[in-house]
């Protein structure tokens, strides 16, 4: 249980580089499954071919690797409702790259 809490803490602290929110708060990360030191999750992007998609995935992968975990991820697109929420949060908290 302690390892699971540590993993969730690491994931929740990863911020978007241009928006002053975590990836979790923005809805970019969801469906987190933890099995010992293996973490599976979905990256949910508002649009296909996001230029920073690999960087966002690496921003979660690296701190998980640092605590001895392996990340398995899938990439999907946001629903229209999720995208609208993301766009509103982006507009309110944009800090630029």
PDB file of N, CA and C in Angstrom:
ATOM      1  N   UNK A   1       0.820  -1.202   0.000  1.00  0.00           N
ATOM      2  CA  UNK A   1       0.000   0.000   0.000  1.00  0.00           C
ATOM      3  C   UNK A   1       0.860   1.261   0.000  1.00  0.00           C
ATOM      4  N   UNK A   2       1.980   1.209   0.714  1.00  0.00           N
ATOM      5  CA  UNK A   2       2.869   2.372   0.764  1.00  0.00           C
ATOM      6  C   UNK A   2       3.408   2.697  -0.623  1.00  0.00           C
ATOM      7  N   UNK A   3       3.790   1.670  -1.386  1.00  0.00           N
ATOM      8  CA  UNK A   3       4.329   1.879  -2.734  1.00  0.00           C
ATOM      9  C   UNK A   3       3.248   2.498  -3.627  1.00  0.00           C
ATOM     10  N   UNK A   4       2.021   2.029  -3.495  1.00  0.00           N
ATOM     11  CA  UNK A   4       0.921   2.572  -4.296  1.00  0.00           C
ATOM     12  C   UNK A   4       0.716   4.061  -3.996  1.00  0.00           C
ATOM     13  N   UNK A   5       0.784   4.435  -2.736  1.00  0.00           N
ATOM     14  CA  UNK A   5       0.647   5.852  -2.364  1.00  0.00           C
ATOM     15  C   UNK A   5       1.790   6.680  -2.938  1.00  0.00           C
ATOM     16  N   UNK A   6       2.999   6.132  -2.917  1.00  0.00           N
ATOM     17  CA  UNK A   6       4.155   6.821  -3.474  1.00  0.00           C
ATOM     18  C   UNK A   6       3.989   7.016  -4.984  1.00  0.00           C
ATOM     19  N   UNK A   7       3.510   5.989  -5.659  1.00  0.00           N
ATOM     20  CA  UNK A   7       3.295   6.065  -7.110  1.00  0.00           C
ATOM     21  C   UNK A   7       2.247   7.124  -7.429  1.00  0.00           C
ATOM     22  N   UNK A   8       1.139   7.109  -6.718  1.00  0.00           N
ATOM     23  CA  UNK A   8       0.078   8.094  -6.965  1.00  0.00           C
ATOM     24  C   UNK A   8       0.558   9.514  -6.680  1.00  0.00           C
ATOM     25  N   UNK A   9       1.389   9.678  -5.674  1.00  0.00           N
ATOM     26  CA  UNK A   9       1.946  10.991  -5.351  1.00  0.00           C
ATOM     27  C   UNK A   9       2.824  11.477  -6.500  1.00  0.00           C
ATOM     28  N   UNK A  10       3.695  10.603  -6.994  1.00  0.00           N
ATOM     29  CA  UNK A  10       4.583  10.962  -8.104  1.00  0.00           C
ATOM     30  C   UNK A  10       3.758  11.387  -9.325  1.00  0.00           C
ATOM     31  N   UNK A  11       2.754  10.605  -9.668  1.00  0.00           N
ATOM     32  CA  UNK A  11       1.919  10.918 -10.839  1.00  0.00           C
ATOM     33  C   UNK A  11       1.186  12.244 -10.634  1.00  0.00           C
ATOM     34  N   UNK A  12       0.645  12.464  -9.454  1.00  0.00           N
ATOM     35  CA  UNK A  12      -0.143  13.674  -9.207  1.00  0.00           C
ATOM     36  C   UNK A  12       0.694  14.947  -9.214  1.00  0.00           C
ATOM     37  N   UNK A  13       2.002  14.828  -9.045  1.00  0.00           N
ATOM     38  CA  UNK A  13       2.867  16.009  -8.998  1.00  0.00           C
ATOM     39  C   UNK A  13       3.414  16.425 -10.361  1.00  0.00           C
ATOM     40  N   UNK A  14       3.171  15.645 -11.395  1.00  0.00           N
ATOM     41  CA  UNK A  14       3.690  15.985 -12.722  1.00  0.00           C
ATOM     42  C   UNK A  14       2.823  17.091 -13.323  1.00  0.00           C
ATOM     43  N   UNK A  15       3.471  18.224 -13.574  1.00  0.00           N
ATOM     44  CA  UNK A  15       2.766  19.396 -14.107  1.00  0.00           C
ATOM     45  C   UNK A  15       2.917  19.470 -15.629  1.00  0.00           C
ATOM     46  N   UNK A  16       1.935  20.075 -16.246  1.00  0.00           N
ATOM     47  CA  UNK A  16       2.017  20.379 -17.680  1.00  0.00           C
ATOM     48  C   UNK A  16       3.025  21.514 -17.845  1.00  0.00           C
ATOM     49  N   UNK A  17       3.885  21.468 -18.840  1.00  0.00           N
ATOM     50  CA  UNK A  17       4.915  22.507 -18.967  1.00  0.00           C
ATOM     51  C   UNK A  17       4.378  23.892 -19.324  1.00  0.00           C
ATOM     52  N   UNK A  18       3.200  23.972 -19.920  1.00  0.00           N
ATOM     53  CA  UNK A  18       2.685  25.269 -20.359  1.00  0.00           C
ATOM     54  C   UNK A  18       1.400  25.696 -19.649  1.00  0.00           C
ATOM     55  N   UNK A  19       0.824  24.795 -18.876  1.00  0.00           N
ATOM     56  CA  UNK A  19      -0.433  25.078 -18.175  1.00  0.00           C
ATOM     57  C   UNK A  19      -0.195  24.811 -16.692  1.00  0.00           C
ATOM     58  N   UNK A  20      -0.564  25.735 -15.862  1.00  0.00           N
ATOM     59  CA  UNK A  20      -0.273  25.629 -14.429  1.00  0.00           C
ATOM     60  C   UNK A  20      -1.233  24.673 -13.720  1.00  0.00           C
ATOM     61  N   UNK A  21      -1.230  23.428 -14.178  1.00  0.00           N
ATOM     62  CA  UNK A  21      -2.012  22.344 -13.575  1.00  0.00           C
ATOM     63  C   UNK A  21      -1.240  21.039 -13.764  1.00  0.00           C
ATOM     64  N   UNK A  22      -1.563  20.059 -12.945  1.00  0.00           N
ATOM     65  CA  UNK A  22      -0.962  18.738 -13.132  1.00  0.00           C
ATOM     66  C   UNK A  22      -1.650  18.041 -14.304  1.00  0.00           C
ATOM     67  N   UNK A  23      -0.969  17.048 -14.860  1.00  0.00           N
ATOM     68  CA  UNK A  23      -1.560  16.268 -15.946  1.00  0.00           C
ATOM     69  C   UNK A  23      -2.809  15.548 -15.462  1.00  0.00           C
ATOM     70  N   UNK A  24      -2.793  15.144 -14.210  1.00  0.00           N
ATOM     71  CA  UNK A  24      -3.945  14.466 -13.627  1.00  0.00           C
ATOM     72  C   UNK A  24      -5.141  15.413 -13.547  1.00  0.00           C
ATOM     73  N   UNK A  25      -4.920  16.632 -13.052  1.00  0.00           N
ATOM     74  CA  UNK A  25      -6.006  17.614 -12.940  1.00  0.00           C
ATOM     75  C   UNK A  25      -6.572  17.984 -14.308  1.00  0.00           C
ATOM     76  N   UNK A  26      -5.702  18.042 -15.316  1.00  0.00           N
ATOM     77  CA  UNK A  26      -6.141  18.402 -16.664  1.00  0.00           C
ATOM     78  C   UNK A  26      -6.902  17.276 -17.365  1.00  0.00           C
ATOM     79  N   UNK A  27      -6.904  16.096 -16.781  1.00  0.00           N
ATOM     80  CA  UNK A  27      -7.584  14.962 -17.398  1.00  0.00           C
ATOM     81  C   UNK A  27      -6.737  14.251 -18.434  1.00  0.00           C
ATOM     82  N   UNK A  28      -5.454  14.584 -18.490  1.00  0.00           N
ATOM     83  CA  UNK A  28      -4.556  13.952 -19.461  1.00  0.00           C
ATOM     84  C   UNK A  28      -4.185  12.540 -19.015  1.00  0.00           C
ATOM     85  N   UNK A  29      -4.197  12.309 -17.706  1.00  0.00           N
ATOM     86  CA  UNK A  29      -3.906  10.971 -17.179  1.00  0.00           C
ATOM     87  C   UNK A  29      -5.179  10.413 -16.556  1.00  0.00           C
ATOM     88  N   UNK A  30      -5.490   9.168 -16.928  1.00  0.00           N
ATOM     89  CA  UNK A  30      -6.623   8.507 -16.281  1.00  0.00           C
ATOM     90  C   UNK A  30      -6.456   6.996 -16.354  1.00  0.00           C
ATOM     91  N   UNK A  31      -7.344   6.313 -15.685  1.00  0.00           N
ATOM     92  CA  UNK A  31      -7.337   4.843 -15.644  1.00  0.00           C
ATOM     93  C   UNK A  31      -6.005   4.289 -15.155  1.00  0.00           C
ATOM     94  N   UNK A  32      -5.580   4.747 -13.984  1.00  0.00           N
ATOM     95  CA  UNK A  32      -4.309   4.309 -13.405  1.00  0.00           C
ATOM     96  C   UNK A  32      -4.497   2.936 -12.769  1.00  0.00           C
ATOM     97  N   UNK A  33      -3.664   1.994 -13.179  1.00  0.00           N
ATOM     98  CA  UNK A  33      -3.662   0.651 -12.603  1.00  0.00           C
ATOM     99  C   UNK A  33      -2.257   0.359 -12.100  1.00  0.00           C
ATOM    100  N   UNK A  34      -2.172  -0.055 -10.847  1.00  0.00           N
ATOM    101  CA  UNK A  34      -0.876  -0.330 -10.236  1.00  0.00           C
ATOM    102  C   UNK A  34      -0.834  -1.798  -9.824  1.00  0.00           C
ATOM    103  N   UNK A  35       0.193  -2.489 -10.280  1.00  0.00           N
ATOM    104  CA  UNK A  35       0.417  -3.879  -9.908  1.00  0.00           C
ATOM    105  C   UNK A  35       1.873  -4.004  -9.491  1.00  0.00           C
ATOM    106  N   UNK A  36       2.075  -3.929  -8.165  1.00  0.00           N
ATOM    107  CA  UNK A  36       3.417  -3.964  -7.601  1.00  0.00           C
ATOM    108  C   UNK A  36       4.207  -2.763  -8.110  1.00  0.00           C
ATOM    109  N   UNK A  37       5.185  -2.971  -8.977  1.00  0.00           N
ATOM    110  CA  UNK A  37       6.000  -1.863  -9.489  1.00  0.00           C
ATOM    111  C   UNK A  37       5.718  -1.568 -10.964  1.00  0.00           C
ATOM    112  N   UNK A  38       4.578  -2.038 -11.426  1.00  0.00           N
ATOM    113  CA  UNK A  38       4.164  -1.782 -12.796  1.00  0.00           C
ATOM    114  C   UNK A  38       2.966  -0.845 -12.764  1.00  0.00           C
ATOM    115  N   UNK A  39       3.050   0.221 -13.550  1.00  0.00           N
ATOM    116  CA  UNK A  39       1.980   1.204 -13.615  1.00  0.00           C
ATOM    117  C   UNK A  39       1.473   1.255 -15.052  1.00  0.00           C
ATOM    118  N   UNK A  40       0.172   1.068 -15.209  1.00  0.00           N
ATOM    119  CA  UNK A  40      -0.468   1.186 -16.524  1.00  0.00           C
ATOM    120  C   UNK A  40      -1.460   2.339 -16.426  1.00  0.00           C
ATOM    121  N   UNK A  41      -1.434   3.189 -17.430  1.00  0.00           N
ATOM    122  CA  UNK A  41      -2.377   4.309 -17.442  1.00  0.00           C
ATOM    123  C   UNK A  41      -2.620   4.775 -18.856  1.00  0.00           C
ATOM    124  N   UNK A  42      -3.634   5.622 -19.002  1.00  0.00           N
ATOM    125  CA  UNK A  42      -3.952   6.193 -20.300  1.00  0.00           C
ATOM    126  C   UNK A  42      -3.593   7.664 -20.308  1.00  0.00           C
ATOM    127  N   UNK A  43      -2.952   8.081 -21.388  1.00  0.00           N
ATOM    128  CA  UNK A  43      -2.744   9.493 -21.658  1.00  0.00           C
ATOM    129  C   UNK A  43      -3.860   9.895 -22.617  1.00  0.00           C
ATOM    130  N   UNK A  44      -4.624  10.882 -22.204  1.00  0.00           N
ATOM    131  CA  UNK A  44      -5.797  11.299 -22.955  1.00  0.00           C
ATOM    132  C   UNK A  44      -5.541  12.716 -23.460  1.00  0.00           C
ATOM    133  N   UNK A  45      -5.337  12.850 -24.761  1.00  0.00           N
ATOM    134  CA  UNK A  45      -4.990  14.141 -25.337  1.00  0.00           C
ATOM    135  C   UNK A  45      -6.196  14.769 -26.033  1.00  0.00           C
ATOM    136  N   UNK A  46      -6.238  16.107 -26.058  1.00  0.00           N
ATOM    137  CA  UNK A  46      -7.389  16.780 -26.669  1.00  0.00           C
ATOM    138  C   UNK A  46      -7.419  16.685 -28.189  1.00  0.00           C
ATOM    139  N   UNK A  47      -6.250  16.496 -28.795  1.00  0.00           N
ATOM    140  CA  UNK A  47      -6.149  16.448 -30.252  1.00  0.00           C
ATOM    141  C   UNK A  47      -5.139  15.373 -30.648  1.00  0.00           C
ATOM    142  N   UNK A  48      -5.274  14.821 -31.855  1.00  0.00           N
ATOM    143  CA  UNK A  48      -4.258  13.870 -32.318  1.00  0.00           C
ATOM    144  C   UNK A  48      -2.950  14.597 -32.627  1.00  0.00           C
ATOM    145  N   UNK A  49      -1.865  13.874 -32.577  1.00  0.00           N
ATOM    146  CA  UNK A  49      -0.547  14.393 -32.956  1.00  0.00           C
ATOM    147  C   UNK A  49      -0.112  15.619 -32.161  1.00  0.00           C
ATOM    148  N   UNK A  50      -0.337  15.610 -30.855  1.00  0.00           N
ATOM    149  CA  UNK A  50       0.119  16.689 -29.987  1.00  0.00           C
ATOM    150  C   UNK A  50       1.649  16.721 -30.060  1.00  0.00           C
ATOM    151  N   UNK A  51       2.255  17.871 -30.391  1.00  0.00           N
ATOM    152  CA  UNK A  51       3.708  17.919 -30.553  1.00  0.00           C
ATOM    153  C   UNK A  51       4.494  17.545 -29.294  1.00  0.00           C
ATOM    154  N   UNK A  52       3.925  17.773 -28.120  1.00  0.00           N
ATOM    155  CA  UNK A  52       4.656  17.462 -26.886  1.00  0.00           C
ATOM    156  C   UNK A  52       4.195  16.154 -26.237  1.00  0.00           C
ATOM    157  N   UNK A  53       3.500  15.328 -26.995  1.00  0.00           N
ATOM    158  CA  UNK A  53       2.967  14.078 -26.425  1.00  0.00           C
ATOM    159  C   UNK A  53       4.073  13.223 -25.812  1.00  0.00           C
ATOM    160  N   UNK A  54       5.168  13.010 -26.546  1.00  0.00           N
ATOM    161  CA  UNK A  54       6.259  12.178 -26.022  1.00  0.00           C
ATOM    162  C   UNK A  54       6.878  12.801 -24.772  1.00  0.00           C
ATOM    163  N   UNK A  55       7.005  14.120 -24.767  1.00  0.00           N
ATOM    164  CA  UNK A  55       7.568  14.806 -23.594  1.00  0.00           C
ATOM    165  C   UNK A  55       6.650  14.656 -22.389  1.00  0.00           C
ATOM    166  N   UNK A  56       5.336  14.724 -22.609  1.00  0.00           N
ATOM    167  CA  UNK A  56       4.395  14.549 -21.495  1.00  0.00           C
ATOM    168  C   UNK A  56       4.463  13.123 -20.950  1.00  0.00           C
ATOM    169  N   UNK A  57       4.547  12.159 -21.836  1.00  0.00           N
ATOM    170  CA  UNK A  57       4.653  10.762 -21.397  1.00  0.00           C
ATOM    171  C   UNK A  57       5.956  10.563 -20.617  1.00  0.00           C
ATOM    172  N   UNK A  58       7.057  11.106 -21.153  1.00  0.00           N
ATOM    173  CA  UNK A  58       8.346  10.994 -20.459  1.00  0.00           C
ATOM    174  C   UNK A  58       8.332  11.705 -19.108  1.00  0.00           C
ATOM    175  N   UNK A  59       7.547  12.774 -18.988  1.00  0.00           N
ATOM    176  CA  UNK A  59       7.495  13.515 -17.721  1.00  0.00           C
ATOM    177  C   UNK A  59       6.846  12.692 -16.611  1.00  0.00           C
ATOM    178  N   UNK A  60       6.126  11.662 -16.981  1.00  0.00           N
ATOM    179  CA  UNK A  60       5.562  10.724 -16.000  1.00  0.00           C
ATOM    180  C   UNK A  60       6.470   9.499 -15.879  1.00  0.00           C
ATOM    181  N   UNK A  61       6.952   9.030 -17.000  1.00  0.00           N
ATOM    182  CA  UNK A  61       7.786   7.820 -17.033  1.00  0.00           C
ATOM    183  C   UNK A  61       9.061   7.978 -16.209  1.00  0.00           C
ATOM    184  N   UNK A  62       9.742   9.111 -16.355  1.00  0.00           N
ATOM    185  CA  UNK A  62      11.039   9.299 -15.685  1.00  0.00           C
ATOM    186  C   UNK A  62      10.928   9.266 -14.155  1.00  0.00           C
ATOM    187  N   UNK A  63      10.012  10.026 -13.540  1.00  0.00           N
ATOM    188  CA  UNK A  63       9.935   9.944 -12.077  1.00  0.00           C
ATOM    189  C   UNK A  63       9.467   8.574 -11.579  1.00  0.00           C
ATOM    190  N   UNK A  64       8.652   7.874 -12.382  1.00  0.00           N
ATOM    191  CA  UNK A  64       8.274   6.515 -11.995  1.00  0.00           C
ATOM    192  C   UNK A  64       9.483   5.590 -12.063  1.00  0.00           C
ATOM    193  N   UNK A  65      10.288   5.725 -13.111  1.00  0.00           N
ATOM    194  CA  UNK A  65      11.517   4.929 -13.203  1.00  0.00           C
ATOM    195  C   UNK A  65      12.438   5.213 -12.023  1.00  0.00           C
ATOM    196  N   UNK A  66      12.483   6.479 -11.598  1.00  0.00           N
ATOM    197  CA  UNK A  66      13.340   6.862 -10.473  1.00  0.00           C
ATOM    198  C   UNK A  66      12.961   6.188  -9.162  1.00  0.00           C
ATOM    199  N   UNK A  67      11.697   5.761  -9.043  1.00  0.00           N
ATOM    200  CA  UNK A  67      11.288   5.051  -7.816  1.00  0.00           C
ATOM    201  C   UNK A  67      11.151   3.547  -8.078  1.00  0.00           C
ATOM    202  N   UNK A  68      11.735   3.091  -9.202  1.00  0.00           N
ATOM    203  CA  UNK A  68      11.795   1.664  -9.487  1.00  0.00           C
ATOM    204  C   UNK A  68      10.569   1.082 -10.147  1.00  0.00           C
ATOM    205  N   UNK A  69       9.769   1.919 -10.798  1.00  0.00           N
ATOM    206  CA  UNK A  69       8.545   1.442 -11.446  1.00  0.00           C
ATOM    207  C   UNK A  69       8.673   1.488 -12.963  1.00  0.00           C
ATOM    208  N   UNK A  70       7.886   0.667 -13.601  1.00  0.00           N
ATOM    209  CA  UNK A  70       7.822   0.613 -15.050  1.00  0.00           C
ATOM    210  C   UNK A  70       6.468   1.128 -15.500  1.00  0.00           C
ATOM    211  N   UNK A  71       6.459   1.984 -16.520  1.00  0.00           N
ATOM    212  CA  UNK A  71       5.221   2.547 -17.045  1.00  0.00           C
ATOM    213  C   UNK A  71       4.826   1.880 -18.349  1.00  0.00           C
ATOM    214  N   UNK A  72       3.576   1.466 -18.415  1.00  0.00           N
ATOM    215  CA  UNK A  72       2.956   1.025 -19.654  1.00  0.00           C
ATOM    216  C   UNK A  72       1.822   1.994 -19.918  1.00  0.00           C
ATOM    217  N   UNK A  73       1.809   2.574 -21.110  1.00  0.00           N
ATOM    218  CA  UNK A  73       0.800   3.590 -21.377  1.00  0.00           C
ATOM    219  C   UNK A  73       0.112   3.369 -22.710  1.00  0.00           C
ATOM    220  N   UNK A  74      -1.069   3.917 -22.782  1.00  0.00           N
ATOM    221  CA  UNK A  74      -1.856   3.910 -23.995  1.00  0.00           C
ATOM    222  C   UNK A  74      -2.250   5.358 -24.242  1.00  0.00           C
ATOM    223  N   UNK A  75      -2.423   5.740 -25.488  1.00  0.00           N
ATOM    224  CA  UNK A  75      -2.805   7.103 -25.831  1.00  0.00           C
ATOM    225  C   UNK A  75      -4.166   7.071 -26.518  1.00  0.00           C
ATOM    226  N   UNK A  76      -5.082   7.886 -26.000  1.00  0.00           N
ATOM    227  CA  UNK A  76      -6.402   8.016 -26.604  1.00  0.00           C
ATOM    228  C   UNK A  76      -6.757   9.494 -26.683  1.00  0.00           C
ATOM    229  N   UNK A  77      -7.849   9.795 -27.361  1.00  0.00           N
ATOM    230  CA  UNK A  77      -8.310  11.178 -27.483  1.00  0.00           C
ATOM    231  C   UNK A  77      -9.433  11.461 -26.502  1.00  0.00           C
ATOM    232  N   UNK A  78      -9.492  12.706 -26.060  1.00  0.00           N
ATOM    233  CA  UNK A  78     -10.535  13.155 -25.145  1.00  0.00           C
ATOM    234  C   UNK A  78     -11.894  13.156 -25.857  1.00  0.00           C
ATOM    235  N   UNK A  79     -12.926  12.961 -25.054  1.00  0.00           N
ATOM    236  CA  UNK A  79     -14.279  13.161 -25.565  1.00  0.00           C
ATOM    237  C   UNK A  79     -14.486  14.667 -25.732  1.00  0.00           C
ATOM    238  N   UNK A  80     -15.544  15.063 -26.372  1.00  0.00           N
ATOM    239  CA  UNK A  80     -15.824  16.494 -26.542  1.00  0.00           C
ATOM    240  C   UNK A  80     -15.995  17.185 -25.187  1.00  0.00           C
ATOM    241  N   UNK A  81     -16.631  16.510 -24.241  1.00  0.00           N
ATOM    242  CA  UNK A  81     -16.822  17.064 -22.896  1.00  0.00           C
ATOM    243  C   UNK A  81     -15.481  17.230 -22.175  1.00  0.00           C
ATOM    244  N   UNK A  82     -14.633  16.208 -22.248  1.00  0.00           N
ATOM    245  CA  UNK A  82     -13.306  16.287 -21.633  1.00  0.00           C
ATOM    246  C   UNK A  82     -12.476  17.392 -22.277  1.00  0.00           C
ATOM    247  N   UNK A  83     -12.577  17.507 -23.609  1.00  0.00           N
ATOM    248  CA  UNK A  83     -11.822  18.527 -24.328  1.00  0.00           C
ATOM    249  C   UNK A  83     -12.272  19.930 -23.914  1.00  0.00           C
ATOM    250  N   UNK A  84     -13.566  20.136 -23.757  1.00  0.00           N
ATOM    251  CA  UNK A  84     -14.081  21.451 -23.349  1.00  0.00           C
ATOM    252  C   UNK A  84     -13.555  21.828 -21.968  1.00  0.00           C
ATOM    253  N   UNK A  85     -13.534  20.862 -21.044  1.00  0.00           N
ATOM    254  CA  UNK A  85     -13.009  21.123 -19.699  1.00  0.00           C
ATOM    255  C   UNK A  85     -11.517  21.446 -19.763  1.00  0.00           C
ATOM    256  N   UNK A  86     -10.779  20.668 -20.546  1.00  0.00           N
ATOM    257  CA  UNK A  86      -9.346  20.910 -20.712  1.00  0.00           C
ATOM    258  C   UNK A  86      -9.093  22.306 -21.270  1.00  0.00           C
ATOM    259  N   UNK A  87      -9.817  22.675 -22.327  1.00  0.00           N
ATOM    260  CA  UNK A  87      -9.614  23.972 -22.969  1.00  0.00           C
ATOM    261  C   UNK A  87      -9.915  25.127 -22.012  1.00  0.00           C
ATOM    262  N   UNK A  88     -10.926  24.964 -21.171  1.00  0.00           N
ATOM    263  CA  UNK A  88     -11.243  25.993 -20.188  1.00  0.00           C
ATOM    264  C   UNK A  88     -10.111  26.119 -19.168  1.00  0.00           C
ATOM    265  N   UNK A  89      -9.624  24.993 -18.672  1.00  0.00           N
ATOM    266  CA  UNK A  89      -8.521  25.012 -17.707  1.00  0.00           C
ATOM    267  C   UNK A  89      -7.267  25.600 -18.348  1.00  0.00           C
ATOM    268  N   UNK A  90      -7.013  25.265 -19.611  1.00  0.00           N
ATOM    269  CA  UNK A  90      -5.853  25.798 -20.313  1.00  0.00           C
ATOM    270  C   UNK A  90      -5.951  27.317 -20.418  1.00  0.00           C
ATOM    271  N   UNK A  91      -7.113  27.831 -20.781  1.00  0.00           N
ATOM    272  CA  UNK A  91      -7.296  29.276 -20.937  1.00  0.00           C
ATOM    273  C   UNK A  91      -7.092  30.007 -19.607  1.00  0.00           C
ATOM    274  N   UNK A  92      -7.528  29.401 -18.525  1.00  0.00           N
ATOM    275  CA  UNK A  92      -7.429  30.034 -17.202  1.00  0.00           C
ATOM    276  C   UNK A  92      -6.023  29.962 -16.608  1.00  0.00           C
ATOM    277  N   UNK A  93      -5.236  28.976 -17.020  1.00  0.00           N
ATOM    278  CA  UNK A  93      -3.951  28.765 -16.344  1.00  0.00           C
ATOM    279  C   UNK A  93      -2.761  28.714 -17.300  1.00  0.00           C
ATOM    280  N   UNK A  94      -2.893  29.277 -18.485  1.00  0.00           N
ATOM    281  CA  UNK A  94      -1.803  29.238 -19.466  1.00  0.00           C
ATOM    282  C   UNK A  94      -0.605  30.026 -18.954  1.00  0.00           C
ATOM    283  N   UNK A  95       0.554  29.420 -19.000  1.00  0.00           N
ATOM    284  CA  UNK A  95       1.780  30.125 -18.608  1.00  0.00           C
ATOM    285  C   UNK A  95       2.795  30.143 -19.741  1.00  0.00           C
ATOM    286  N   UNK A  96       2.522  29.419 -20.814  1.00  0.00           N
ATOM    287  CA  UNK A  96       3.395  29.412 -21.983  1.00  0.00           C
ATOM    288  C   UNK A  96       4.556  28.445 -21.839  1.00  0.00           C
ATOM    289  N   UNK A  97       5.206  28.190 -22.965  1.00  0.00           N
ATOM    290  CA  UNK A  97       6.339  27.261 -22.957  1.00  0.00           C
ATOM    291  C   UNK A  97       7.656  28.005 -22.819  1.00  0.00           C
TER     292      UNK A  97
END
